[in-house]
């Protein structure tokens, strides 16, 4: 019996990852969830946050920033469908800072509840992305 599972992560703009993994820990509305080889079949909602992937047993964990979505686990395959997925090294710090400033400015404006919630989500996304690229002082 194999110690790995097939993992496919699809973002709205690309196939982010398609291959084998030993384990994945992804953010869910009620806390992080871990999936390992031969996990029972199910569908789980995912939320914005840090997804951790270990590609081989005893290997290093690798972080990815993901958006809202869901994970379907079926027949030793995990399919994560998400709004966005990025490796930390692919995050443009300048763009993330600009997005943070735009969201902060929008929050200072008079907005409907829907606009306010969208602005809060944009700020949370920007802060999450910035948390993975460091503060630029190193």
Protein backbone atom coordinates (compact mmCIF):
# COMPACT_ATOMS: atom_id res chain seq x y z
CA UNK A 1 0.00 0.00 0.00
CA UNK A 2 1.43 3.36 -1.06
CA UNK A 3 2.18 6.10 1.49
CA UNK A 4 1.18 8.83 -0.97
CA UNK A 5 -1.95 10.19 -2.56
CA UNK A 6 -2.60 11.94 -5.83
CA UNK A 7 -3.00 15.69 -5.29
CA UNK A 8 -4.35 18.14 -7.82
CA UNK A 9 -4.75 21.81 -6.96
CA UNK A 10 -6.69 23.86 -9.49
CA UNK A 11 -6.95 27.64 -9.17
CA UNK A 12 -9.27 29.70 -11.34
CA UNK A 13 -6.40 30.67 -13.65
CA UNK A 14 -4.25 27.51 -13.76
CA UNK A 15 -3.49 24.00 -12.61
CA UNK A 16 -1.30 24.90 -9.65
CA UNK A 17 -0.06 21.40 -8.77
CA UNK A 18 -0.68 17.93 -10.15
CA UNK A 19 1.31 15.06 -8.69
CA UNK A 20 1.98 12.88 -5.67
CA UNK A 21 1.98 14.07 -2.06
CA UNK A 22 2.39 12.39 1.29
CA UNK A 23 0.13 14.82 3.14
CA UNK A 24 -1.72 18.11 2.76
CA UNK A 25 -2.98 20.43 5.49
CA UNK A 26 -5.42 23.05 4.26
CA UNK A 27 -7.43 25.82 5.92
CA UNK A 28 -11.12 25.11 6.52
CA UNK A 29 -13.78 27.30 8.11
CA UNK A 30 -13.68 25.21 11.30
CA UNK A 31 -9.88 24.86 11.47
CA UNK A 32 -7.12 23.17 9.50
CA UNK A 33 -7.71 19.73 8.02
CA UNK A 34 -5.07 17.16 7.14
CA UNK A 35 -5.41 14.62 4.36
CA UNK A 36 -3.09 11.64 4.07
CA UNK A 37 -3.00 8.58 1.86
CA UNK A 38 -6.15 6.46 1.84
CA UNK A 39 -8.29 9.11 3.52
CA UNK A 40 -12.00 8.37 3.47
CA UNK A 41 -14.00 9.86 0.59
CA UNK A 42 -15.56 13.25 1.37
CA UNK A 43 -15.93 16.87 0.31
CA UNK A 44 -14.70 19.62 2.64
CA UNK A 45 -15.07 23.41 2.33
CA UNK A 46 -11.80 25.35 2.28
CA UNK A 47 -11.10 28.97 3.12
CA UNK A 48 -8.33 31.48 2.53
CA UNK A 49 -5.12 30.67 4.28
CA UNK A 50 -1.89 28.71 4.19
CA UNK A 51 -2.01 25.26 2.64
CA UNK A 52 0.91 23.03 3.70
CA UNK A 53 2.05 20.19 1.46
CA UNK A 54 4.58 17.46 2.17
CA UNK A 55 5.56 15.73 -1.03
CA UNK A 56 7.40 12.76 0.46
CA UNK A 57 7.45 11.00 3.81
CA UNK A 58 9.80 12.77 6.20
CA UNK A 59 10.30 15.60 3.71
CA UNK A 60 9.98 19.31 4.29
CA UNK A 61 6.59 21.00 4.32
CA UNK A 62 5.99 23.57 1.59
CA UNK A 63 3.53 26.43 2.04
CA UNK A 64 1.15 27.80 -0.55
CA UNK A 65 -1.29 30.68 -0.15
CA UNK A 66 -4.78 29.59 -1.22
CA UNK A 67 -8.18 31.23 -1.54
CA UNK A 68 -11.65 29.92 -0.80
CA UNK A 69 -12.73 26.66 -2.36
CA UNK A 70 -13.25 23.02 -1.53
CA UNK A 71 -11.43 19.69 -1.43
CA UNK A 72 -12.87 16.50 -2.81
CA UNK A 73 -11.24 13.29 -1.57
CA UNK A 74 -12.06 10.18 -3.55
CA UNK A 75 -10.17 6.94 -4.22
CA UNK A 76 -6.84 8.17 -2.76
CA UNK A 77 -7.03 11.39 -4.80
CA UNK A 78 -7.43 14.87 -3.30
CA UNK A 79 -8.72 17.58 -5.64
CA UNK A 80 -8.48 21.12 -4.26
CA UNK A 81 -10.47 23.66 -6.28
CA UNK A 82 -9.62 27.19 -5.13
CA UNK A 83 -10.02 30.81 -6.20
CA UNK A 84 -6.26 31.31 -6.10
CA UNK A 85 -3.04 29.49 -5.25
CA UNK A 86 0.50 30.88 -5.06
CA UNK A 87 3.89 29.72 -3.86
CA UNK A 88 5.43 32.38 -1.58
CA UNK A 89 8.29 33.02 -4.02
CA UNK A 90 5.76 33.89 -6.75
CA UNK A 91 4.03 36.60 -4.70
CA UNK A 92 4.79 40.12 -5.89
CA UNK A 93 5.36 42.03 -2.65
CA UNK A 94 4.83 45.45 -4.26
CA UNK A 95 1.48 44.39 -5.72
CA UNK A 96 0.42 42.85 -2.40
CA UNK A 97 1.30 46.09 -0.57
CA UNK A 98 -0.67 48.10 -3.14
CA UNK A 99 -3.66 45.76 -2.73
CA UNK A 100 -3.47 46.18 1.04
CA UNK A 101 -3.45 49.98 0.75
CA UNK A 102 -6.38 49.92 -1.71
CA UNK A 103 -8.40 47.71 0.65
CA UNK A 104 -7.62 49.95 3.63
CA UNK A 105 -8.70 53.02 1.65
CA UNK A 106 -11.93 51.30 0.56
CA UNK A 107 -12.68 50.44 4.20
CA UNK A 108 -12.43 54.14 5.07
CA UNK A 109 -15.16 54.95 2.49
CA UNK A 110 -18.91 54.80 2.90
CA UNK A 111 -19.89 51.35 1.62
CA UNK A 112 -22.78 48.95 1.49
CA UNK A 113 -22.51 45.82 3.65
CA UNK A 114 -21.59 43.79 0.55
CA UNK A 115 -18.85 46.27 -0.46
CA UNK A 116 -17.55 46.38 3.12
CA UNK A 117 -17.31 42.57 3.26
CA UNK A 118 -15.52 42.50 -0.11
CA UNK A 119 -13.05 45.14 1.13
CA UNK A 120 -12.41 43.19 4.35
CA UNK A 121 -11.79 40.04 2.31
CA UNK A 122 -9.38 41.91 0.02
CA UNK A 123 -7.46 43.23 3.03
CA UNK A 124 -7.28 39.76 4.58
CA UNK A 125 -5.98 38.31 1.28
CA UNK A 126 -3.30 41.00 1.00
CA UNK A 127 -2.17 40.51 4.60
CA UNK A 128 -2.05 36.74 4.13
CA UNK A 129 0.08 37.09 0.99
CA UNK A 130 2.40 39.58 2.70
CA UNK A 131 2.83 37.22 5.67
CA UNK A 132 4.48 34.72 3.31
CA UNK A 133 6.94 37.07 1.59
CA UNK A 134 8.46 38.71 4.67
CA UNK A 135 8.82 42.38 5.41
CA UNK A 136 11.58 43.08 2.90
CA UNK A 137 14.13 44.13 5.53
CA UNK A 138 16.46 41.11 5.17
